[in-house]
PDB file of N, CA and C in Angstrom:
ATOM      1  N   UNK A   1     -26.862  -0.602   0.606  1.00  0.00           N
ATOM      2  CA  UNK A   1     -25.871   0.901   0.130  1.00  0.00           C
ATOM      3  C   UNK A   1     -25.734   0.238  -1.445  1.00  0.00           C
ATOM      4  N   UNK A   2     -26.113   1.426  -2.171  1.00  0.00           N
ATOM      5  CA  UNK A   2     -25.467   1.547  -3.263  1.00  0.00           C
ATOM      6  C   UNK A   2     -24.526   2.432  -4.108  1.00  0.00           C
ATOM      7  N   UNK A   3     -24.049   2.710  -5.359  1.00  0.00           N
ATOM      8  CA  UNK A   3     -23.430   3.714  -5.688  1.00  0.00           C
ATOM      9  C   UNK A   3     -24.533   4.264  -6.879  1.00  0.00           C
ATOM     10  N   UNK A   4     -24.181   5.702  -6.717  1.00  0.00           N
ATOM     11  CA  UNK A   4     -24.900   6.284  -7.795  1.00  0.00           C
ATOM     12  C   UNK A   4     -23.815   6.813  -9.048  1.00  0.00           C
ATOM     13  N   UNK A   5     -24.718   7.066  -9.994  1.00  0.00           N
ATOM     14  CA  UNK A   5     -23.565   7.792 -11.151  1.00  0.00           C
ATOM     15  C   UNK A   5     -23.014   8.936 -10.357  1.00  0.00           C
ATOM     16  N   UNK A   6     -23.607  10.093  -9.550  1.00  0.00           N
ATOM     17  CA  UNK A   6     -23.268  11.176  -8.844  1.00  0.00           C
ATOM     18  C   UNK A   6     -22.288  10.604  -8.066  1.00  0.00           C
ATOM     19  N   UNK A   7     -21.744   9.654  -7.314  1.00  0.00           N
ATOM     20  CA  UNK A   7     -20.633   8.833  -6.501  1.00  0.00           C
ATOM     21  C   UNK A   7     -19.521   8.918  -7.370  1.00  0.00           C
ATOM     22  N   UNK A   8     -19.592   8.100  -8.420  1.00  0.00           N
ATOM     23  CA  UNK A   8     -18.936   7.860  -9.398  1.00  0.00           C
ATOM     24  C   UNK A   8     -17.741   9.216 -10.043  1.00  0.00           C
ATOM     25  N   UNK A   9     -18.970  10.234 -10.318  1.00  0.00           N
ATOM     26  CA  UNK A   9     -18.924  11.525 -10.810  1.00  0.00           C
ATOM     27  C   UNK A   9     -18.044  12.455 -10.094  1.00  0.00           C
ATOM     28  N   UNK A  10     -18.059  12.120  -8.657  1.00  0.00           N
ATOM     29  CA  UNK A  10     -17.518  12.798  -7.456  1.00  0.00           C
ATOM     30  C   UNK A  10     -16.235  12.370  -7.410  1.00  0.00           C
ATOM     31  N   UNK A  11     -15.853  10.870  -7.193  1.00  0.00           N
ATOM     32  CA  UNK A  11     -14.607  10.099  -7.174  1.00  0.00           C
ATOM     33  C   UNK A  11     -13.831  10.632  -8.393  1.00  0.00           C
ATOM     34  N   UNK A  12     -14.589  10.629  -9.561  1.00  0.00           N
ATOM     35  CA  UNK A  12     -13.507  10.687 -10.898  1.00  0.00           C
ATOM     36  C   UNK A  12     -13.160  12.260 -10.613  1.00  0.00           C
ATOM     37  N   UNK A  13     -13.836  12.938 -10.442  1.00  0.00           N
ATOM     38  CA  UNK A  13     -13.119  14.499 -10.166  1.00  0.00           C
ATOM     39  C   UNK A  13     -12.291  14.584  -9.301  1.00  0.00           C
ATOM     40  N   UNK A  14     -12.204  13.819  -7.797  1.00  0.00           N
ATOM     41  CA  UNK A  14     -11.347  13.637  -6.949  1.00  0.00           C
ATOM     42  C   UNK A  14      -9.904  13.152  -7.409  1.00  0.00           C
ATOM     43  N   UNK A  15     -10.151  12.007  -8.393  1.00  0.00           N
ATOM     44  CA  UNK A  15      -8.858  11.750  -8.958  1.00  0.00           C
ATOM     45  C   UNK A  15      -8.708  12.273 -10.473  1.00  0.00           C
ATOM     46  N   UNK A  16      -9.289  13.174 -10.748  1.00  0.00           N
ATOM     47  CA  UNK A  16      -8.999  13.981 -11.618  1.00  0.00           C
ATOM     48  C   UNK A  16      -9.114  13.212 -13.374  1.00  0.00           C
ATOM     49  N   UNK A  17      -9.919  11.902 -13.566  1.00  0.00           N
ATOM     50  CA  UNK A  17     -10.413  11.382 -14.128  1.00  0.00           C
ATOM     51  C   UNK A  17     -11.376  11.819 -15.357  1.00  0.00           C
ATOM     52  N   UNK A  18     -11.309  12.208 -16.454  1.00  0.00           N
ATOM     53  CA  UNK A  18     -12.340  12.353 -17.312  1.00  0.00           C
ATOM     54  C   UNK A  18     -12.890  10.956 -18.060  1.00  0.00           C
ATOM     55  N   UNK A  19     -14.104  10.972 -17.508  1.00  0.00           N
ATOM     56  CA  UNK A  19     -14.910   9.640 -17.842  1.00  0.00           C
ATOM     57  C   UNK A  19     -15.778  10.125 -18.589  1.00  0.00           C
ATOM     58  N   UNK A  20     -16.346   9.126 -19.738  1.00  0.00           N
ATOM     59  CA  UNK A  20     -17.651   9.243 -20.417  1.00  0.00           C
ATOM     60  C   UNK A  20     -18.819   8.795 -19.881  1.00  0.00           C
ATOM     61  N   UNK A  21     -19.685   9.024 -20.465  1.00  0.00           N
ATOM     62  CA  UNK A  21     -21.146   8.628 -19.520  1.00  0.00           C
ATOM     63  C   UNK A  21     -21.219   7.043 -19.479  1.00  0.00           C
ATOM     64  N   UNK A  22     -20.693   6.911 -20.902  1.00  0.00           N
ATOM     65  CA  UNK A  22     -20.612   5.226 -20.847  1.00  0.00           C
ATOM     66  C   UNK A  22     -19.927   4.490 -19.783  1.00  0.00           C
ATOM     67  N   UNK A  23     -18.528   5.190 -19.411  1.00  0.00           N
ATOM     68  CA  UNK A  23     -17.379   4.802 -18.838  1.00  0.00           C
ATOM     69  C   UNK A  23     -18.412   4.931 -17.062  1.00  0.00           C
ATOM     70  N   UNK A  24     -18.698   6.139 -16.892  1.00  0.00           N
ATOM     71  CA  UNK A  24     -19.473   6.188 -15.935  1.00  0.00           C
ATOM     72  C   UNK A  24     -20.526   5.097 -15.654  1.00  0.00           C
ATOM     73  N   UNK A  25     -21.683   4.743 -16.263  1.00  0.00           N
ATOM     74  CA  UNK A  25     -22.651   3.428 -16.032  1.00  0.00           C
ATOM     75  C   UNK A  25     -21.887   2.203 -16.465  1.00  0.00           C
ATOM     76  N   UNK A  26     -20.666   1.897 -16.882  1.00  0.00           N
ATOM     77  CA  UNK A  26     -19.974   0.864 -16.378  1.00  0.00           C
ATOM     78  C   UNK A  26     -19.501   0.702 -15.047  1.00  0.00           C
ATOM     79  N   UNK A  27     -18.732   1.662 -14.687  1.00  0.00           N
ATOM     80  CA  UNK A  27     -17.926   1.849 -13.674  1.00  0.00           C
ATOM     81  C   UNK A  27     -19.224   1.824 -12.165  1.00  0.00           C
ATOM     82  N   UNK A  28     -20.306   2.412 -12.697  1.00  0.00           N
ATOM     83  CA  UNK A  28     -21.608   2.295 -11.301  1.00  0.00           C
ATOM     84  C   UNK A  28     -21.894   0.499 -11.405  1.00  0.00           C
ATOM     85  N   UNK A  29     -22.283  -0.028 -12.440  1.00  0.00           N
ATOM     86  CA  UNK A  29     -22.739  -1.223 -12.426  1.00  0.00           C
ATOM     87  C   UNK A  29     -21.426  -2.058 -11.968  1.00  0.00           C
ATOM     88  N   UNK A  30     -20.549  -1.962 -12.108  1.00  0.00           N
ATOM     89  CA  UNK A  30     -19.059  -2.735 -11.652  1.00  0.00           C
ATOM     90  C   UNK A  30     -19.017  -2.445  -9.907  1.00  0.00           C
ATOM     91  N   UNK A  31     -19.302  -1.322  -9.671  1.00  0.00           N
ATOM     92  CA  UNK A  31     -19.079  -0.951  -8.185  1.00  0.00           C
ATOM     93  C   UNK A  31     -20.120  -1.608  -7.705  1.00  0.00           C
ATOM     94  N   UNK A  32     -21.453  -1.285  -7.895  1.00  0.00           N
ATOM     95  CA  UNK A  32     -22.710  -2.107  -7.417  1.00  0.00           C
ATOM     96  C   UNK A  32     -22.294  -3.573  -7.207  1.00  0.00           C
ATOM     97  N   UNK A  33     -21.799  -4.299  -8.474  1.00  0.00           N
ATOM     98  CA  UNK A  33     -21.889  -5.423  -8.116  1.00  0.00           C
ATOM     99  C   UNK A  33     -20.805  -5.976  -7.188  1.00  0.00           C
ATOM    100  N   UNK A  34     -19.855  -5.535  -6.972  1.00  0.00           N
ATOM    101  CA  UNK A  34     -18.767  -5.295  -5.632  1.00  0.00           C
ATOM    102  C   UNK A  34     -19.307  -5.341  -4.717  1.00  0.00           C
ATOM    103  N   UNK A  35     -20.278  -4.272  -4.189  1.00  0.00           N
ATOM    104  CA  UNK A  35     -20.790  -4.228  -3.210  1.00  0.00           C
ATOM    105  C   UNK A  35     -22.076  -5.345  -2.829  1.00  0.00           C
ATOM    106  N   UNK A  36     -22.804  -5.761  -3.939  1.00  0.00           N
ATOM    107  CA  UNK A  36     -23.610  -6.805  -3.494  1.00  0.00           C
ATOM    108  C   UNK A  36     -22.970  -7.999  -3.264  1.00  0.00           C
ATOM    109  N   UNK A  37     -21.728  -8.305  -3.734  1.00  0.00           N
ATOM    110  CA  UNK A  37     -21.134  -9.553  -3.474  1.00  0.00           C
ATOM    111  C   UNK A  37     -20.650  -9.528  -2.126  1.00  0.00           C
ATOM    112  N   UNK A  38     -20.340  -8.188  -1.578  1.00  0.00           N
ATOM    113  CA  UNK A  38     -19.283  -8.228  -0.151  1.00  0.00           C
ATOM    114  C   UNK A  38     -20.717  -8.047   0.567  1.00  0.00           C
ATOM    115  N   UNK A  39     -22.043  -7.791   0.420  1.00  0.00           N
ATOM    116  CA  UNK A  39     -22.998  -7.749   1.511  1.00  0.00           C
ATOM    117  C   UNK A  39     -23.161  -9.314   1.688  1.00  0.00           C
ATOM    118  N   UNK A  40     -22.950 -10.262   0.763  1.00  0.00           N
ATOM    119  CA  UNK A  40     -23.294 -11.528   1.290  1.00  0.00           C
ATOM    120  C   UNK A  40     -22.192 -12.005   2.416  1.00  0.00           C
ATOM    121  N   UNK A  41     -21.251 -11.203   2.984  1.00  0.00           N
ATOM    122  CA  UNK A  41     -21.084 -11.597   4.007  1.00  0.00           C
ATOM    123  C   UNK A  41     -21.478 -11.236   5.536  1.00  0.00           C
ATOM    124  N   UNK A  42     -22.924 -10.522   5.292  1.00  0.00           N
ATOM    125  CA  UNK A  42     -23.395 -10.106   6.201  1.00  0.00           C
ATOM    126  C   UNK A  42     -24.670 -11.226   6.630  1.00  0.00           C
ATOM    127  N   UNK A  43     -24.449 -12.156   5.852  1.00  0.00           N
ATOM    128  CA  UNK A  43     -25.226 -13.630   5.995  1.00  0.00           C
ATOM    129  C   UNK A  43     -24.515 -14.803   6.797  1.00  0.00           C
ATOM    130  N   UNK A  44     -23.396 -14.334   6.707  1.00  0.00           N
ATOM    131  CA  UNK A  44     -22.654 -15.420   7.748  1.00  0.00           C
ATOM    132  C   UNK A  44     -22.461 -15.320   9.357  1.00  0.00           C
ATOM    133  N   UNK A  45     -22.670 -16.476  10.125  1.00  0.00           N
ATOM    134  CA  UNK A  45     -23.010 -15.874  11.428  1.00  0.00           C
ATOM    135  C   UNK A  45     -21.475 -16.361  12.023  1.00  0.00           C
ATOM    136  N   UNK A  46     -20.895 -15.100  12.449  1.00  0.00           N
ATOM    137  CA  UNK A  46     -19.834 -14.539  12.734  1.00  0.00           C
ATOM    138  C   UNK A  46     -19.436 -14.320  14.573  1.00  0.00           C
ATOM    139  N   UNK A  47     -20.786 -14.642  15.325  1.00  0.00           N
ATOM    140  CA  UNK A  47     -20.718 -14.537  16.420  1.00  0.00           C
ATOM    141  C   UNK A  47     -19.778 -15.319  17.670  1.00  0.00           C
ATOM    142  N   UNK A  48     -19.321 -16.394  17.298  1.00  0.00           N
ATOM    143  CA  UNK A  48     -18.446 -17.385  17.608  1.00  0.00           C
ATOM    144  C   UNK A  48     -17.264 -17.223  17.310  1.00  0.00           C
ATOM    145  N   UNK A  49     -16.709 -16.314  16.024  1.00  0.00           N
ATOM    146  CA  UNK A  49     -15.524 -16.185  15.742  1.00  0.00           C
ATOM    147  C   UNK A  49     -14.680 -15.180  16.397  1.00  0.00           C
ATOM    148  N   UNK A  50     -13.626 -15.845  16.866  1.00  0.00           N
ATOM    149  CA  UNK A  50     -12.302 -14.593  17.431  1.00  0.00           C
ATOM    150  C   UNK A  50     -12.256 -13.703  16.108  1.00  0.00           C
ATOM    151  N   UNK A  51     -11.682 -12.437  16.591  1.00  0.00           N
ATOM    152  CA  UNK A  51     -11.278 -11.343  15.830  1.00  0.00           C
ATOM    153  C   UNK A  51      -9.784 -11.805  15.541  1.00  0.00           C
ATOM    154  N   UNK A  52      -9.566 -11.564  14.431  1.00  0.00           N
ATOM    155  CA  UNK A  52      -7.772 -12.169  14.211  1.00  0.00           C
ATOM    156  C   UNK A  52      -7.139 -10.728  12.892  1.00  0.00           C
ATOM    157  N   UNK A  53      -6.070 -10.823  13.401  1.00  0.00           N
ATOM    158  CA  UNK A  53      -5.304 -10.047  12.487  1.00  0.00           C
ATOM    159  C   UNK A  53      -4.714 -10.382  11.449  1.00  0.00           C
ATOM    160  N   UNK A  54      -4.752 -11.680  11.035  1.00  0.00           N
ATOM    161  CA  UNK A  54      -3.958 -12.629  10.130  1.00  0.00           C
ATOM    162  C   UNK A  54      -4.944 -14.211   9.988  1.00  0.00           C
ATOM    163  N   UNK A  55      -4.751 -14.209   8.730  1.00  0.00           N
ATOM    164  CA  UNK A  55      -5.617 -15.599   8.647  1.00  0.00           C
ATOM    165  C   UNK A  55      -4.684 -16.921   9.027  1.00  0.00           C
ATOM    166  N   UNK A  56      -3.705 -16.953   9.012  1.00  0.00           N
ATOM    167  CA  UNK A  56      -2.676 -17.764   9.592  1.00  0.00           C
ATOM    168  C   UNK A  56      -2.272 -17.778  10.992  1.00  0.00           C
ATOM    169  N   UNK A  57      -1.989 -18.754  12.199  1.00  0.00           N
ATOM    170  CA  UNK A  57      -1.881 -18.100  13.192  1.00  0.00           C
ATOM    171  C   UNK A  57      -0.182 -18.279  13.284  1.00  0.00           C
ATOM    172  N   UNK A  58      -0.016 -16.689  13.637  1.00  0.00           N
ATOM    173  CA  UNK A  58       1.517 -16.167  13.358  1.00  0.00           C
ATOM    174  C   UNK A  58       1.949 -15.822  14.785  1.00  0.00           C
ATOM    175  N   UNK A  59       3.277 -16.512  15.459  1.00  0.00           N
ATOM    176  CA  UNK A  59       3.581 -15.825  16.783  1.00  0.00           C
ATOM    177  C   UNK A  59       4.977 -15.511  16.744  1.00  0.00           C
ATOM    178  N   UNK A  60       5.407 -14.361  17.063  1.00  0.00           N
ATOM    179  CA  UNK A  60       6.899 -13.809  16.955  1.00  0.00           C
ATOM    180  C   UNK A  60       7.739 -14.458  15.651  1.00  0.00           C
ATOM    181  N   UNK A  61       7.760 -13.571  14.795  1.00  0.00           N
ATOM    182  CA  UNK A  61       7.990 -14.117  13.440  1.00  0.00           C
ATOM    183  C   UNK A  61       9.338 -13.807  13.230  1.00  0.00           C
ATOM    184  N   UNK A  62       9.862 -12.582  14.351  1.00  0.00           N
ATOM    185  CA  UNK A  62      10.952 -12.130  14.458  1.00  0.00           C
ATOM    186  C   UNK A  62      12.481 -12.773  14.601  1.00  0.00           C
ATOM    187  N   UNK A  63      13.061 -12.902  14.039  1.00  0.00           N
ATOM    188  CA  UNK A  63      14.261 -13.758  14.207  1.00  0.00           C
ATOM    189  C   UNK A  63      15.620 -13.071  15.095  1.00  0.00           C
ATOM    190  N   UNK A  64      16.109 -13.792  15.832  1.00  0.00           N
ATOM    191  CA  UNK A  64      17.324 -13.428  16.344  1.00  0.00           C
ATOM    192  C   UNK A  64      18.241 -12.196  15.896  1.00  0.00           C
ATOM    193  N   UNK A  65      18.676 -11.169  16.589  1.00  0.00           N
ATOM    194  CA  UNK A  65      19.857 -10.417  16.364  1.00  0.00           C
ATOM    195  C   UNK A  65      21.182 -11.188  16.195  1.00  0.00           C
ATOM    196  N   UNK A  66      21.695 -11.068  15.021  1.00  0.00           N
ATOM    197  CA  UNK A  66      23.046 -11.871  14.985  1.00  0.00           C
ATOM    198  C   UNK A  66      23.989 -10.654  14.753  1.00  0.00           C
ATOM    199  N   UNK A  67      24.901 -10.885  15.273  1.00  0.00           N
ATOM    200  CA  UNK A  67      26.608  -9.786  14.834  1.00  0.00           C
ATOM    201  C   UNK A  67      26.943 -10.174  13.781  1.00  0.00           C
ATOM    202  N   UNK A  68      27.464  -9.494  12.893  1.00  0.00           N
ATOM    203  CA  UNK A  68      28.127  -9.814  11.881  1.00  0.00           C
ATOM    204  C   UNK A  68      29.053  -8.703  11.198  1.00  0.00           C
ATOM    205  N   UNK A  69      29.880  -9.391  11.106  1.00  0.00           N
ATOM    206  CA  UNK A  69      31.279  -8.527  10.107  1.00  0.00           C
ATOM    207  C   UNK A  69      30.406  -7.597   8.972  1.00  0.00           C
ATOM    208  N   UNK A  70      31.018  -6.121   9.098  1.00  0.00           N
ATOM    209  CA  UNK A  70      30.433  -5.346   8.193  1.00  0.00           C
ATOM    210  C   UNK A  70      31.842  -5.117   7.535  1.00  0.00           C
ATOM    211  N   UNK A  71      31.306  -4.409   5.895  1.00  0.00           N
ATOM    212  CA  UNK A  71      32.498  -3.813   5.068  1.00  0.00           C
ATOM    213  C   UNK A  71      33.080  -2.435   5.978  1.00  0.00           C
ATOM    214  N   UNK A  72      34.323  -2.722   5.236  1.00  0.00           N
ATOM    215  CA  UNK A  72      35.363  -1.764   6.114  1.00  0.00           C
ATOM    216  C   UNK A  72      34.900  -0.533   5.262  1.00  0.00           C
ATOM    217  N   UNK A  73      35.549   0.651   5.773  1.00  0.00           N
ATOM    218  CA  UNK A  73      35.056   2.260   5.154  1.00  0.00           C
ATOM    219  C   UNK A  73      35.691   2.110   4.187  1.00  0.00           C
ATOM    220  N   UNK A  74      37.028   1.626   3.789  1.00  0.00           N
ATOM    221  CA  UNK A  74      37.733   1.523   2.597  1.00  0.00           C
ATOM    222  C   UNK A  74      37.206   0.878   1.267  1.00  0.00           C
ATOM    223  N   UNK A  75      36.629   0.056   1.866  1.00  0.00           N
ATOM    224  CA  UNK A  75      35.617  -0.846   1.002  1.00  0.00           C
ATOM    225  C   UNK A  75      34.543  -0.405   0.464  1.00  0.00           C
ATOM    226  N   UNK A  76      33.781   0.427   1.069  1.00  0.00           N
ATOM    227  CA  UNK A  76      32.785   1.164   0.977  1.00  0.00           C
ATOM    228  C   UNK A  76      32.708   2.335  -0.085  1.00  0.00           C
ATOM    229  N   UNK A  77      34.087   3.046   0.425  1.00  0.00           N
ATOM    230  CA  UNK A  77      34.309   4.257  -0.441  1.00  0.00           C
ATOM    231  C   UNK A  77      34.919   4.078  -1.746  1.00  0.00           C
ATOM    232  N   UNK A  78      35.199   2.738  -2.291  1.00  0.00           N
ATOM    233  CA  UNK A  78      35.247   2.406  -3.562  1.00  0.00           C
ATOM    234  C   UNK A  78      34.445   2.683  -4.365  1.00  0.00           C
ATOM    235  N   UNK A  79      32.918   2.242  -4.162  1.00  0.00           N
ATOM    236  CA  UNK A  79      31.802   2.667  -4.558  1.00  0.00           C
ATOM    237  C   UNK A  79      31.395   4.373  -4.453  1.00  0.00           C
ATOM    238  N   UNK A  80      31.934   5.066  -3.765  1.00  0.00           N
ATOM    239  CA  UNK A  80      31.762   6.590  -3.449  1.00  0.00           C
ATOM    240  C   UNK A  80      32.274   7.262  -4.984  1.00  0.00           C
ATOM    241  N   UNK A  81      31.007   8.144  -5.705  1.00  0.00           N
ATOM    242  CA  UNK A  81      31.434   9.105  -6.494  1.00  0.00           C
ATOM    243  C   UNK A  81      32.493   9.887  -6.112  1.00  0.00           C
ATOM    244  N   UNK A  82      32.191  10.546  -4.877  1.00  0.00           N
ATOM    245  CA  UNK A  82      33.138  11.291  -4.557  1.00  0.00           C
ATOM    246  C   UNK A  82      33.059  11.172  -2.857  1.00  0.00           C
ATOM    247  N   UNK A  83      34.428  11.303  -2.357  1.00  0.00           N
ATOM    248  CA  UNK A  83      34.743  10.728  -0.564  1.00  0.00           C
ATOM    249  C   UNK A  83      35.332  12.242  -0.125  1.00  0.00           C
ATOM    250  N   UNK A  84      35.073  12.149   1.058  1.00  0.00           N
ATOM    251  CA  UNK A  84      35.507  13.452   1.923  1.00  0.00           C
ATOM    252  C   UNK A  84      35.004  12.787   3.498  1.00  0.00           C
ATOM    253  N   UNK A  85      36.474  12.702   4.226  1.00  0.00           N
ATOM    254  CA  UNK A  85      37.270  12.359   5.540  1.00  0.00           C
ATOM    255  C   UNK A  85      36.199  10.978   5.604  1.00  0.00           C
ATOM    256  N   UNK A  86      36.062   9.868   5.130  1.00  0.00           N
ATOM    257  CA  UNK A  86      35.444   8.670   5.064  1.00  0.00           C
ATOM    258  C   UNK A  86      34.050   8.477   4.913  1.00  0.00           C
ATOM    259  N   UNK A  87      33.554   9.822   4.395  1.00  0.00           N
ATOM    260  CA  UNK A  87      32.280   9.967   4.028  1.00  0.00           C
ATOM    261  C   UNK A  87      31.730  10.052   2.711  1.00  0.00           C
ATOM    262  N   UNK A  88      30.502   9.902   2.529  1.00  0.00           N
ATOM    263  CA  UNK A  88      29.933  10.050   1.009  1.00  0.00           C
ATOM    264  C   UNK A  88      30.027  11.828   0.627  1.00  0.00           C
ATOM    265  N   UNK A  89      30.065  12.185  -0.470  1.00  0.00           N
ATOM    266  CA  UNK A  89      30.288  13.333  -0.462  1.00  0.00           C
ATOM    267  C   UNK A  89      29.208  13.704  -1.587  1.00  0.00           C
ATOM    268  N   UNK A  90      28.000  14.648  -1.240  1.00  0.00           N
ATOM    269  CA  UNK A  90      26.543  14.954  -2.311  1.00  0.00           C
ATOM    270  C   UNK A  90      26.618  16.657  -2.356  1.00  0.00           C
ATOM    271  N   UNK A  91      25.983  16.705  -3.445  1.00  0.00           N
ATOM    272  CA  UNK A  91      25.989  18.115  -3.594  1.00  0.00           C
ATOM    273  C   UNK A  91      24.823  18.455  -2.549  1.00  0.00           C
ATOM    274  N   UNK A  92      25.211  19.976  -2.379  1.00  0.00           N
ATOM    275  CA  UNK A  92      24.540  20.660  -1.040  1.00  0.00           C
ATOM    276  C   UNK A  92      22.938  21.033  -1.457  1.00  0.00           C
ATOM    277  N   UNK A  93      22.037  20.713  -0.709  1.00  0.00           N
ATOM    278  CA  UNK A  93      20.692  21.114  -1.250  1.00  0.00           C
ATOM    279  C   UNK A  93      20.215  22.164  -0.611  1.00  0.00           C
ATOM    280  N   UNK A  94      20.816  22.641   0.320  1.00  0.00           N
ATOM    281  CA  UNK A  94      20.421  23.891   0.819  1.00  0.00           C
ATOM    282  C   UNK A  94      21.760  24.487   0.898  1.00  0.00           C
ATOM    283  N   UNK A  95      21.819  26.079   1.075  1.00  0.00           N
ATOM    284  CA  UNK A  95      22.797  27.226   1.397  1.00  0.00           C
ATOM    285  C   UNK A  95      22.990  27.591   2.554  1.00  0.00           C
TER     286      UNK A  95
END
């Protein structure tokens, strides 16, 4: 698989980029170099390798829920620019 100038032009158009001919050539070469390097992975024997979702063995990284005391409404409302009935008052966005 290789990238052509047409591919670069197409992606540039989708991204609304204005590339010069020199930039297109440069990007085409760089993208082809990346693909060539990635194709080296096909040379590896991965038949006996189990698929993983993470490079490290990770299991149950969740912590236990702990009940903690939260701030009082009065303390929270001290930071409110406007407050009404114990709630933040914000400008209406719909009528």
